Amino acid sequence: MDNLVIWLIIIAFYAPLHYLLPVLFLFITGRESEKVRKGLMRRGLIDSTLSMVGAFAIVIYLAEQGTMSAAMLILLISMAYPFIGIWRHRREITDASGAG
């Protein structure tokens, strides 16, 4: 099978998890107003996109080098990046609301 087809299949299975988990987390745990929650979801989707693009650039390079275990570890670790962003942005909102 062509390498491009293989990577498209991997992305097709990885992307829904990478995008939907942070959005679901925000939806379930959010106590913010609707406007703030939408902003957090938008930021979460941007963080998910950036981390997925960066992760796949690294993963494709590592796979070409023959280190598939390291590549899969990078994919696993990159799934945490949107949650770090969510935590950071929620903390900014909490600090801003508490200060003023």
Protein backbone atom coordinates (compact mmCIF):
# COMPACT_ATOMS: atom_id res chain seq x y z
CA MET A 1 0.00 0.00 0.00
CA ASP A 2 1.17 3.53 -0.73
CA ASN A 3 2.65 5.48 2.21
CA LEU A 4 0.29 8.39 1.61
CA VAL A 5 -2.74 6.10 1.94
CA ILE A 6 -1.36 4.63 5.17
CA TRP A 7 -0.82 8.08 6.70
CA LEU A 8 -4.29 9.20 5.64
CA ILE A 9 -5.79 6.15 7.36
CA ILE A 10 -3.78 6.88 10.52
CA ILE A 11 -4.91 10.52 10.49
CA ALA A 12 -8.53 9.49 9.89
CA PHE A 13 -8.52 7.39 13.06
CA TYR A 14 -6.38 9.75 15.15
CA ALA A 15 -8.04 13.10 14.34
CA PRO A 16 -11.47 12.42 15.87
CA LEU A 17 -9.90 11.49 19.19
CA HIS A 18 -7.53 14.42 19.06
CA TYR A 19 -10.35 16.92 18.44
CA LEU A 20 -13.34 15.43 20.23
CA LEU A 21 -11.77 14.59 23.59
CA PRO A 22 -10.84 18.21 24.47
CA VAL A 23 -14.20 19.53 23.24
CA LEU A 24 -16.08 16.87 25.21
CA PHE A 25 -13.98 17.67 28.28
CA LEU A 26 -14.85 21.37 27.96
CA PHE A 27 -18.50 20.60 27.43
CA ILE A 28 -18.76 18.33 30.47
CA THR A 29 -16.59 20.22 32.96
CA GLY A 30 -17.31 23.80 31.96
CA ARG A 31 -19.00 26.11 34.42
CA GLU A 32 -18.20 29.21 32.40
CA SER A 33 -20.72 31.36 30.56
CA GLU A 34 -21.67 30.32 27.03
CA LYS A 35 -19.49 33.06 25.50
CA VAL A 36 -16.43 32.06 27.52
CA ARG A 37 -17.01 28.37 26.80
CA LYS A 38 -17.19 29.03 23.05
CA GLY A 39 -13.90 30.91 23.26
CA LEU A 40 -12.32 28.03 25.16
CA MET A 41 -13.61 25.55 22.60
CA ARG A 42 -12.22 27.65 19.76
CA ARG A 43 -8.85 27.83 21.49
CA GLY A 44 -9.01 24.10 22.16
CA LEU A 45 -9.63 23.38 18.48
CA ILE A 46 -6.75 25.64 17.48
CA ASP A 47 -4.47 23.94 20.02
CA SER A 48 -5.61 20.55 18.72
CA THR A 49 -4.86 21.52 15.14
CA LEU A 50 -1.42 22.91 15.94
CA SER A 51 -0.43 19.94 18.06
CA MET A 52 -1.70 17.45 15.49
CA VAL A 53 0.16 19.12 12.61
CA GLY A 54 3.35 19.35 14.66
CA ALA A 55 3.04 15.81 15.94
CA PHE A 56 2.50 14.35 12.49
CA ALA A 57 5.49 16.24 11.10
CA ILE A 58 7.66 14.69 13.81
CA VAL A 59 5.97 11.29 13.54
CA ILE A 60 6.43 11.03 9.78
CA TYR A 61 10.09 11.93 10.16
CA LEU A 62 10.58 9.36 12.94
CA ALA A 63 8.75 6.68 10.97
CA GLU A 64 11.00 7.31 7.97
CA GLN A 65 13.98 6.87 10.31
CA GLY A 66 12.60 3.52 11.45
CA THR A 67 11.70 4.44 15.02
CA MET A 68 8.01 3.62 14.99
CA SER A 69 7.77 3.19 18.79
CA ALA A 70 9.01 6.73 19.33
CA ALA A 71 6.62 7.97 16.66
CA MET A 72 3.63 6.39 18.35
CA LEU A 73 4.76 7.78 21.71
CA ILE A 74 4.82 11.27 20.17
CA LEU A 75 1.24 10.78 18.95
CA LEU A 76 0.16 9.71 22.41
CA ILE A 77 1.90 12.60 24.14
CA SER A 78 0.56 15.15 21.64
CA MET A 79 -2.99 14.27 22.69
CA ALA A 80 -2.28 15.93 26.05
CA TYR A 81 -1.30 19.30 24.54
CA PRO A 82 -4.88 20.58 24.05
CA PHE A 83 -5.67 19.74 27.68
CA ILE A 84 -2.65 21.77 28.82
CA GLY A 85 -3.98 24.67 26.77
CA ILE A 86 -7.45 24.29 28.28
CA TRP A 87 -6.00 24.28 31.79
CA ARG A 88 -3.83 27.33 31.02
CA HIS A 89 -6.71 29.33 29.50
CA ARG A 90 -9.10 28.42 32.32
CA ARG A 91 -6.49 29.53 34.81
CA GLU A 92 -6.13 32.87 32.98
CA ILE A 93 -9.90 33.35 33.12
CA THR A 94 -10.03 32.46 36.82
CA ASP A 95 -7.15 34.81 37.64
CA ALA A 96 -8.72 37.64 35.64
CA SER A 97 -12.15 37.23 37.25
CA GLY A 98 -10.67 36.98 40.73
CA ALA A 99 -8.53 40.08 40.30
CA GLY A 100 -11.28 42.37 39.15
